[in-house]
Each structure stands twice: as structure tokens, then as C-alpha cells.
Amino acid sequence: MRKLLIHPEQIEPVNEIFSPSPDEIAYYKRVIETFKEAEANGLGAVSLEGRMIDVANYRQAEDALVLAEGIAEKEHKRKERGR
């Protein structure tokens, strides 16, 4: 997901808004781990914390983690440049 910004001072708040929280990141990691275990046991869906987890949830969790990693990497590079 890309966003266009008008001013560099908008980068940090936009990254903060669109980044998953640490709790969300931990949950997405649990979703991935739980689904992989279920899939290894021949299951197509499993319950996690009272919610059904299937391949769609697994892919959504993967996408969210990729987004979070990308934002963190860009934010790190931006801070290294002193912006």
C-alpha cells in the first residue's frame, strides 16, 4: 500500500497510523504459527482465541507483517538520513 504525501513531516504520523500495533503484530504471528501447525496436521481451519482461522486469515496476517516490516525498514532508513 502506498500513500502520497505533500510534506516530509507527514511521513512519521502516516507510518504510525498505518503500521500494525505491537499487539497486532504478535497476534498475526500467532495466526501464522497456529495455521501452519493446523495445515501440517491436515486441517484447513482451526480456532485461535475463540476465532476461526483459515487460509484467508493466514494470508491477511502475512500481508500485515510484510507491511509492518516494510514501514519499519523505510522509517529506519529515513531516520538514518536524518529526516
PDB file of N, CA and C in Angstrom:
ATOM      1  N   MET A   1       0.852  -1.161   0.000  1.00  0.00           N
ATOM      2  CA  MET A   1       0.000   0.000   0.000  1.00  0.00           C
ATOM      3  C   MET A   1       0.902   1.230   0.000  1.00  0.00           C
ATOM      4  N   ARG A   2       0.668   2.108  -0.919  1.00  0.00           N
ATOM      5  CA  ARG A   2       1.447   3.340  -0.986  1.00  0.00           C
ATOM      6  C   ARG A   2       0.534   4.535  -0.749  1.00  0.00           C
ATOM      7  N   LYS A   3       1.099   5.520  -0.128  1.00  0.00           N
ATOM      8  CA  LYS A   3       0.382   6.769   0.124  1.00  0.00           C
ATOM      9  C   LYS A   3       1.244   7.905  -0.400  1.00  0.00           C
ATOM     10  N   LEU A   4       0.606   8.910  -0.952  1.00  0.00           N
ATOM     11  CA  LEU A   4       1.316  10.098  -1.408  1.00  0.00           C
ATOM     12  C   LEU A   4       1.186  11.180  -0.347  1.00  0.00           C
ATOM     13  N   LEU A   5       2.297  11.808  -0.049  1.00  0.00           N
ATOM     14  CA  LEU A   5       2.322  12.849   0.966  1.00  0.00           C
ATOM     15  C   LEU A   5       2.792  14.150   0.348  1.00  0.00           C
ATOM     16  N   ILE A   6       2.365  15.247   0.926  1.00  0.00           N
ATOM     17  CA  ILE A   6       2.722  16.566   0.413  1.00  0.00           C
ATOM     18  C   ILE A   6       4.000  17.081   1.060  1.00  0.00           C
ATOM     19  N   HIS A   7       4.225  16.720   2.312  1.00  0.00           N
ATOM     20  CA  HIS A   7       5.358  17.266   3.043  1.00  0.00           C
ATOM     21  C   HIS A   7       6.053  16.158   3.838  1.00  0.00           C
ATOM     22  N   PRO A   8       7.388  16.210   3.928  1.00  0.00           N
ATOM     23  CA  PRO A   8       8.119  15.173   4.666  1.00  0.00           C
ATOM     24  C   PRO A   8       7.695  15.015   6.122  1.00  0.00           C
ATOM     25  N   GLU A   9       7.184  16.062   6.734  1.00  0.00           N
ATOM     26  CA  GLU A   9       6.745  15.959   8.125  1.00  0.00           C
ATOM     27  C   GLU A   9       5.518  15.064   8.282  1.00  0.00           C
ATOM     28  N   GLN A  10       4.884  14.704   7.180  1.00  0.00           N
ATOM     29  CA  GLN A  10       3.723  13.824   7.232  1.00  0.00           C
ATOM     30  C   GLN A  10       4.127  12.349   7.301  1.00  0.00           C
ATOM     31  N   ILE A  11       5.370  12.039   6.966  1.00  0.00           N
ATOM     32  CA  ILE A  11       5.807  10.643   6.865  1.00  0.00           C
ATOM     33  C   ILE A  11       5.630   9.889   8.178  1.00  0.00           C
ATOM     34  N   GLU A  12       6.193  10.413   9.247  1.00  0.00           N
ATOM     35  CA  GLU A  12       6.145   9.706  10.521  1.00  0.00           C
ATOM     36  C   GLU A  12       4.721   9.461  11.010  1.00  0.00           C
ATOM     37  N   PRO A  13       3.837  10.482  11.027  1.00  0.00           N
ATOM     38  CA  PRO A  13       2.477  10.204  11.506  1.00  0.00           C
ATOM     39  C   PRO A  13       1.713   9.223  10.610  1.00  0.00           C
ATOM     40  N   VAL A  14       1.922   9.298   9.303  1.00  0.00           N
ATOM     41  CA  VAL A  14       1.238   8.367   8.403  1.00  0.00           C
ATOM     42  C   VAL A  14       1.748   6.941   8.635  1.00  0.00           C
ATOM     43  N   ASN A  15       3.065   6.786   8.781  1.00  0.00           N
ATOM     44  CA  ASN A  15       3.613   5.459   9.066  1.00  0.00           C
ATOM     45  C   ASN A  15       3.067   4.916  10.380  1.00  0.00           C
ATOM     46  N   GLU A  16       2.945   5.776  11.369  1.00  0.00           N
ATOM     47  CA  GLU A  16       2.421   5.354  12.669  1.00  0.00           C
ATOM     48  C   GLU A  16       0.965   4.897  12.548  1.00  0.00           C
ATOM     49  N   ILE A  17       0.188   5.632  11.783  1.00  0.00           N
ATOM     50  CA  ILE A  17      -1.231   5.307  11.620  1.00  0.00           C
ATOM     51  C   ILE A  17      -1.418   3.979  10.891  1.00  0.00           C
ATOM     52  N   PHE A  18      -0.629   3.743   9.841  1.00  0.00           N
ATOM     53  CA  PHE A  18      -0.822   2.562   9.014  1.00  0.00           C
ATOM     54  C   PHE A  18      -0.041   1.342   9.481  1.00  0.00           C
ATOM     55  N   SER A  19       0.815   1.488  10.464  1.00  0.00           N
ATOM     56  CA  SER A  19       1.564   0.351  10.988  1.00  0.00           C
ATOM     57  C   SER A  19       0.713  -0.425  11.989  1.00  0.00           C
ATOM     58  N   PRO A  20       0.743  -1.753  11.894  1.00  0.00           N
ATOM     59  CA  PRO A  20       0.056  -2.532  12.930  1.00  0.00           C
ATOM     60  C   PRO A  20       0.724  -2.287  14.294  1.00  0.00           C
ATOM     61  N   SER A  21      -0.067  -2.311  15.335  1.00  0.00           N
ATOM     62  CA  SER A  21       0.464  -2.125  16.693  1.00  0.00           C
ATOM     63  C   SER A  21       1.286  -3.356  17.097  1.00  0.00           C
ATOM     64  N   PRO A  22       2.109  -3.227  18.130  1.00  0.00           N
ATOM     65  CA  PRO A  22       2.847  -4.402  18.608  1.00  0.00           C
ATOM     66  C   PRO A  22       1.927  -5.575  18.981  1.00  0.00           C
ATOM     67  N   ASP A  23       0.770  -5.276  19.563  1.00  0.00           N
ATOM     68  CA  ASP A  23      -0.186  -6.340  19.896  1.00  0.00           C
ATOM     69  C   ASP A  23      -0.729  -7.012  18.636  1.00  0.00           C
ATOM     70  N   GLU A  24      -1.017  -6.207  17.607  1.00  0.00           N
ATOM     71  CA  GLU A  24      -1.499  -6.771  16.346  1.00  0.00           C
ATOM     72  C   GLU A  24      -0.419  -7.633  15.689  1.00  0.00           C
ATOM     73  N   ILE A  25       0.812  -7.169  15.728  1.00  0.00           N
ATOM     74  CA  ILE A  25       1.916  -7.939  15.153  1.00  0.00           C
ATOM     75  C   ILE A  25       2.051  -9.282  15.872  1.00  0.00           C
ATOM     76  N   ALA A  26       1.978  -9.265  17.190  1.00  0.00           N
ATOM     77  CA  ALA A  26       2.060 -10.513  17.964  1.00  0.00           C
ATOM     78  C   ALA A  26       0.906 -11.443  17.599  1.00  0.00           C
ATOM     79  N   TYR A  27      -0.286 -10.894  17.441  1.00  0.00           N
ATOM     80  CA  TYR A  27      -1.450 -11.710  17.066  1.00  0.00           C
ATOM     81  C   TYR A  27      -1.253 -12.318  15.683  1.00  0.00           C
ATOM     82  N   TYR A  28      -0.804 -11.512  14.729  1.00  0.00           N
ATOM     83  CA  TYR A  28      -0.592 -12.025  13.366  1.00  0.00           C
ATOM     84  C   TYR A  28       0.445 -13.143  13.366  1.00  0.00           C
ATOM     85  N   LYS A  29       1.458 -13.023  14.187  1.00  0.00           N
ATOM     86  CA  LYS A  29       2.463 -14.092  14.288  1.00  0.00           C
ATOM     87  C   LYS A  29       1.833 -15.364  14.853  1.00  0.00           C
ATOM     88  N   ARG A  30       0.930 -15.213  15.832  1.00  0.00           N
ATOM     89  CA  ARG A  30       0.241 -16.383  16.383  1.00  0.00           C
ATOM     90  C   ARG A  30      -0.669 -17.016  15.338  1.00  0.00           C
ATOM     91  N   VAL A  31      -1.333 -16.186  14.543  1.00  0.00           N
ATOM     92  CA  VAL A  31      -2.199 -16.694  13.473  1.00  0.00           C
ATOM     93  C   VAL A  31      -1.377 -17.548  12.510  1.00  0.00           C
ATOM     94  N   ILE A  32      -0.240 -17.020  12.076  1.00  0.00           N
ATOM     95  CA  ILE A  32       0.608 -17.741  11.131  1.00  0.00           C
ATOM     96  C   ILE A  32       1.089 -19.059  11.722  1.00  0.00           C
ATOM     97  N   GLU A  33       1.584 -19.012  12.938  1.00  0.00           N
ATOM     98  CA  GLU A  33       2.085 -20.218  13.594  1.00  0.00           C
ATOM     99  C   GLU A  33       0.973 -21.254  13.777  1.00  0.00           C
ATOM    100  N   THR A  34      -0.173 -20.803  14.248  1.00  0.00           N
ATOM    101  CA  THR A  34      -1.295 -21.710  14.500  1.00  0.00           C
ATOM    102  C   THR A  34      -1.795 -22.331  13.211  1.00  0.00           C
ATOM    103  N   PHE A  35      -1.911 -21.523  12.159  1.00  0.00           N
ATOM    104  CA  PHE A  35      -2.417 -22.061  10.901  1.00  0.00           C
ATOM    105  C   PHE A  35      -1.432 -23.049  10.288  1.00  0.00           C
ATOM    106  N   LYS A  36      -0.140 -22.745  10.359  1.00  0.00           N
ATOM    107  CA  LYS A  36       0.858 -23.671   9.818  1.00  0.00           C
ATOM    108  C   LYS A  36       0.801 -25.013  10.544  1.00  0.00           C
ATOM    109  N   GLU A  37       0.636 -24.990  11.855  1.00  0.00           N
ATOM    110  CA  GLU A  37       0.508 -26.226  12.632  1.00  0.00           C
ATOM    111  C   GLU A  37      -0.739 -27.000  12.211  1.00  0.00           C
ATOM    112  N   ALA A  38      -1.842 -26.278  12.057  1.00  0.00           N
ATOM    113  CA  ALA A  38      -3.094 -26.920  11.653  1.00  0.00           C
ATOM    114  C   ALA A  38      -2.948 -27.543  10.266  1.00  0.00           C
ATOM    115  N   GLU A  39      -2.364 -26.797   9.359  1.00  0.00           N
ATOM    116  CA  GLU A  39      -2.178 -27.280   7.990  1.00  0.00           C
ATOM    117  C   GLU A  39      -1.288 -28.530   7.976  1.00  0.00           C
ATOM    118  N   ALA A  40      -0.248 -28.544   8.802  1.00  0.00           N
ATOM    119  CA  ALA A  40       0.642 -29.701   8.893  1.00  0.00           C
ATOM    120  C   ALA A  40      -0.103 -30.932   9.397  1.00  0.00           C
ATOM    121  N   ASN A  41      -1.171 -30.706  10.146  1.00  0.00           N
ATOM    122  CA  ASN A  41      -1.989 -31.803  10.668  1.00  0.00           C
ATOM    123  C   ASN A  41      -3.183 -32.107   9.761  1.00  0.00           C
ATOM    124  N   GLY A  42      -3.187 -31.529   8.564  1.00  0.00           N
ATOM    125  CA  GLY A  42      -4.241 -31.822   7.601  1.00  0.00           C
ATOM    126  C   GLY A  42      -5.518 -31.037   7.779  1.00  0.00           C
ATOM    127  N   LEU A  43      -5.485 -29.985   8.576  1.00  0.00           N
ATOM    128  CA  LEU A  43      -6.683 -29.171   8.813  1.00  0.00           C
ATOM    129  C   LEU A  43      -6.670 -27.926   7.935  1.00  0.00           C
ATOM    130  N   GLY A  44      -7.847 -27.500   7.505  1.00  0.00           N
ATOM    131  CA  GLY A  44      -7.966 -26.295   6.696  1.00  0.00           C
ATOM    132  C   GLY A  44      -8.382 -25.081   7.505  1.00  0.00           C
ATOM    133  N   ALA A  45      -8.774 -25.323   8.746  1.00  0.00           N
ATOM    134  CA  ALA A  45      -9.187 -24.241   9.638  1.00  0.00           C
ATOM    135  C   ALA A  45      -8.955 -24.700  11.071  1.00  0.00           C
ATOM    136  N   VAL A  46      -8.792 -23.718  11.942  1.00  0.00           N
ATOM    137  CA  VAL A  46      -8.532 -24.016  13.354  1.00  0.00           C
ATOM    138  C   VAL A  46      -9.012 -22.824  14.173  1.00  0.00           C
ATOM    139  N   SER A  47      -9.222 -23.040  15.454  1.00  0.00           N
ATOM    140  CA  SER A  47      -9.654 -21.971  16.341  1.00  0.00           C
ATOM    141  C   SER A  47      -8.440 -21.373  17.053  1.00  0.00           C
ATOM    142  N   LEU A  48      -8.407 -20.059  17.124  1.00  0.00           N
ATOM    143  CA  LEU A  48      -7.369 -19.339  17.850  1.00  0.00           C
ATOM    144  C   LEU A  48      -8.049 -18.232  18.648  1.00  0.00           C
ATOM    145  N   GLU A  49      -7.929 -18.302  19.950  1.00  0.00           N
ATOM    146  CA  GLU A  49      -8.500 -17.286  20.834  1.00  0.00           C
ATOM    147  C   GLU A  49      -9.980 -17.048  20.540  1.00  0.00           C
ATOM    148  N   GLY A  50     -10.691 -18.152  20.278  1.00  0.00           N
ATOM    149  CA  GLY A  50     -12.126 -18.075  20.032  1.00  0.00           C
ATOM    150  C   GLY A  50     -12.516 -17.648  18.634  1.00  0.00           C
ATOM    151  N   ARG A  51     -11.548 -17.533  17.738  1.00  0.00           N
ATOM    152  CA  ARG A  51     -11.828 -17.136  16.352  1.00  0.00           C
ATOM    153  C   ARG A  51     -11.388 -18.239  15.401  1.00  0.00           C
ATOM    154  N   MET A  52     -12.157 -18.420  14.327  1.00  0.00           N
ATOM    155  CA  MET A  52     -11.770 -19.387  13.314  1.00  0.00           C
ATOM    156  C   MET A  52     -10.663 -18.791  12.452  1.00  0.00           C
ATOM    157  N   ILE A  53      -9.623 -19.563  12.229  1.00  0.00           N
ATOM    158  CA  ILE A  53      -8.507 -19.138  11.398  1.00  0.00           C
ATOM    159  C   ILE A  53      -8.454 -20.071  10.196  1.00  0.00           C
ATOM    160  N   ASP A  54      -8.488 -19.499   9.001  1.00  0.00           N
ATOM    161  CA  ASP A  54      -8.356 -20.290   7.785  1.00  0.00           C
ATOM    162  C   ASP A  54      -7.314 -19.647   6.881  1.00  0.00           C
ATOM    163  N   VAL A  55      -7.215 -20.119   5.659  1.00  0.00           N
ATOM    164  CA  VAL A  55      -6.161 -19.640   4.765  1.00  0.00           C
ATOM    165  C   VAL A  55      -6.283 -18.132   4.490  1.00  0.00           C
ATOM    166  N   ALA A  56      -7.499 -17.620   4.448  1.00  0.00           N
ATOM    167  CA  ALA A  56      -7.675 -16.178   4.207  1.00  0.00           C
ATOM    168  C   ALA A  56      -7.085 -15.368   5.368  1.00  0.00           C
ATOM    169  N   ASN A  57      -7.324 -15.811   6.598  1.00  0.00           N
ATOM    170  CA  ASN A  57      -6.759 -15.126   7.763  1.00  0.00           C
ATOM    171  C   ASN A  57      -5.240 -15.238   7.774  1.00  0.00           C
ATOM    172  N   TYR A  58      -4.752 -16.404   7.392  1.00  0.00           N
ATOM    173  CA  TYR A  58      -3.306 -16.634   7.310  1.00  0.00           C
ATOM    174  C   TYR A  58      -2.660 -15.656   6.328  1.00  0.00           C
ATOM    175  N   ARG A  59      -3.242 -15.539   5.145  1.00  0.00           N
ATOM    176  CA  ARG A  59      -2.691 -14.625   4.134  1.00  0.00           C
ATOM    177  C   ARG A  59      -2.784 -13.169   4.576  1.00  0.00           C
ATOM    178  N   GLN A  60      -3.874 -12.822   5.232  1.00  0.00           N
ATOM    179  CA  GLN A  60      -4.034 -11.462   5.742  1.00  0.00           C
ATOM    180  C   GLN A  60      -2.963 -11.158   6.791  1.00  0.00           C
ATOM    181  N   ALA A  61      -2.679 -12.133   7.649  1.00  0.00           N
ATOM    182  CA  ALA A  61      -1.641 -11.953   8.679  1.00  0.00           C
ATOM    183  C   ALA A  61      -0.277 -11.786   8.023  1.00  0.00           C
ATOM    184  N   GLU A  62       0.005 -12.597   7.011  1.00  0.00           N
ATOM    185  CA  GLU A  62       1.280 -12.467   6.292  1.00  0.00           C
ATOM    186  C   GLU A  62       1.412 -11.082   5.670  1.00  0.00           C
ATOM    187  N   ASP A  63       0.350 -10.620   5.012  1.00  0.00           N
ATOM    188  CA  ASP A  63       0.372  -9.301   4.376  1.00  0.00           C
ATOM    189  C   ASP A  63       0.596  -8.187   5.390  1.00  0.00           C
ATOM    190  N   ALA A  64      -0.051  -8.293   6.536  1.00  0.00           N
ATOM    191  CA  ALA A  64       0.098  -7.274   7.574  1.00  0.00           C
ATOM    192  C   ALA A  64       1.533  -7.227   8.095  1.00  0.00           C
ATOM    193  N   LEU A  65       2.151  -8.396   8.258  1.00  0.00           N
ATOM    194  CA  LEU A  65       3.537  -8.431   8.730  1.00  0.00           C
ATOM    195  C   LEU A  65       4.493  -7.876   7.688  1.00  0.00           C
ATOM    196  N   VAL A  66       4.239  -8.156   6.423  1.00  0.00           N
ATOM    197  CA  VAL A  66       5.073  -7.593   5.353  1.00  0.00           C
ATOM    198  C   VAL A  66       4.950  -6.069   5.360  1.00  0.00           C
ATOM    199  N   LEU A  67       3.735  -5.565   5.517  1.00  0.00           N
ATOM    200  CA  LEU A  67       3.513  -4.119   5.583  1.00  0.00           C
ATOM    201  C   LEU A  67       4.274  -3.518   6.764  1.00  0.00           C
ATOM    202  N   ALA A  68       4.142  -4.132   7.927  1.00  0.00           N
ATOM    203  CA  ALA A  68       4.811  -3.619   9.125  1.00  0.00           C
ATOM    204  C   ALA A  68       6.327  -3.627   8.955  1.00  0.00           C
ATOM    205  N   GLU A  69       6.861  -4.690   8.390  1.00  0.00           N
ATOM    206  CA  GLU A  69       8.305  -4.772   8.170  1.00  0.00           C
ATOM    207  C   GLU A  69       8.774  -3.717   7.174  1.00  0.00           C
ATOM    208  N   GLY A  70       7.994  -3.514   6.116  1.00  0.00           N
ATOM    209  CA  GLY A  70       8.350  -2.508   5.115  1.00  0.00           C
ATOM    210  C   GLY A  70       8.351  -1.103   5.688  1.00  0.00           C
ATOM    211  N   ILE A  71       7.335  -0.787   6.468  1.00  0.00           N
ATOM    212  CA  ILE A  71       7.263   0.535   7.085  1.00  0.00           C
ATOM    213  C   ILE A  71       8.420   0.718   8.054  1.00  0.00           C
ATOM    214  N   ALA A  72       8.699  -0.289   8.869  1.00  0.00           N
ATOM    215  CA  ALA A  72       9.799  -0.193   9.842  1.00  0.00           C
ATOM    216  C   ALA A  72      11.134   0.001   9.142  1.00  0.00           C
ATOM    217  N   GLU A  73      11.346  -0.715   8.050  1.00  0.00           N
ATOM    218  CA  GLU A  73      12.597  -0.588   7.300  1.00  0.00           C
ATOM    219  C   GLU A  73      12.747   0.812   6.699  1.00  0.00           C
ATOM    220  N   LYS A  74      11.684   1.314   6.083  1.00  0.00           N
ATOM    221  CA  LYS A  74      11.735   2.655   5.495  1.00  0.00           C
ATOM    222  C   LYS A  74      11.908   3.726   6.574  1.00  0.00           C
ATOM    223  N   GLU A  75      11.250   3.541   7.699  1.00  0.00           N
ATOM    224  CA  GLU A  75      11.366   4.501   8.800  1.00  0.00           C
ATOM    225  C   GLU A  75      12.801   4.511   9.334  1.00  0.00           C
ATOM    226  N   HIS A  76      13.396   3.339   9.455  1.00  0.00           N
ATOM    227  CA  HIS A  76      14.784   3.234   9.913  1.00  0.00           C
ATOM    228  C   HIS A  76      15.729   3.959   8.947  1.00  0.00           C
ATOM    229  N   LYS A  77      15.560   3.722   7.656  1.00  0.00           N
ATOM    230  CA  LYS A  77      16.404   4.379   6.650  1.00  0.00           C
ATOM    231  C   LYS A  77      16.220   5.894   6.679  1.00  0.00           C
ATOM    232  N   ARG A  78      14.955   6.326   6.842  1.00  0.00           N
ATOM    233  CA  ARG A  78      14.661   7.755   6.878  1.00  0.00           C
ATOM    234  C   ARG A  78      15.353   8.410   8.074  1.00  0.00           C
ATOM    235  N   LYS A  79      15.326   7.736   9.224  1.00  0.00           N
ATOM    236  CA  LYS A  79      15.959   8.287  10.424  1.00  0.00           C
ATOM    237  C   LYS A  79      17.480   8.302  10.290  1.00  0.00           C
ATOM    238  N   GLU A  80      18.038   7.308   9.603  1.00  0.00           N
ATOM    239  CA  GLU A  80      19.480   7.280   9.367  1.00  0.00           C
ATOM    240  C   GLU A  80      19.937   8.479   8.540  1.00  0.00           C
ATOM    241  N   ARG A  81      19.070   8.889   7.607  1.00  0.00           N
ATOM    242  CA  ARG A  81      19.391  10.044   6.760  1.00  0.00           C
ATOM    243  C   ARG A  81      19.167  11.367   7.482  1.00  0.00           C
ATOM    244  N   GLY A  82      18.536  11.288   8.656  1.00  0.00           N
ATOM    245  CA  GLY A  82      18.334  12.497   9.463  1.00  0.00           C
ATOM    246  C   GLY A  82      17.151  13.322   9.058  1.00  0.00           C
ATOM    247  N   ARG A  83      16.166  12.689   8.463  1.00  0.00           N
ATOM    248  CA  ARG A  83      14.972  13.428   8.048  1.00  0.00           C
ATOM    249  C   ARG A  83      13.901  13.350   9.087  1.00  0.00           C
TER     250      ARG A  83
END
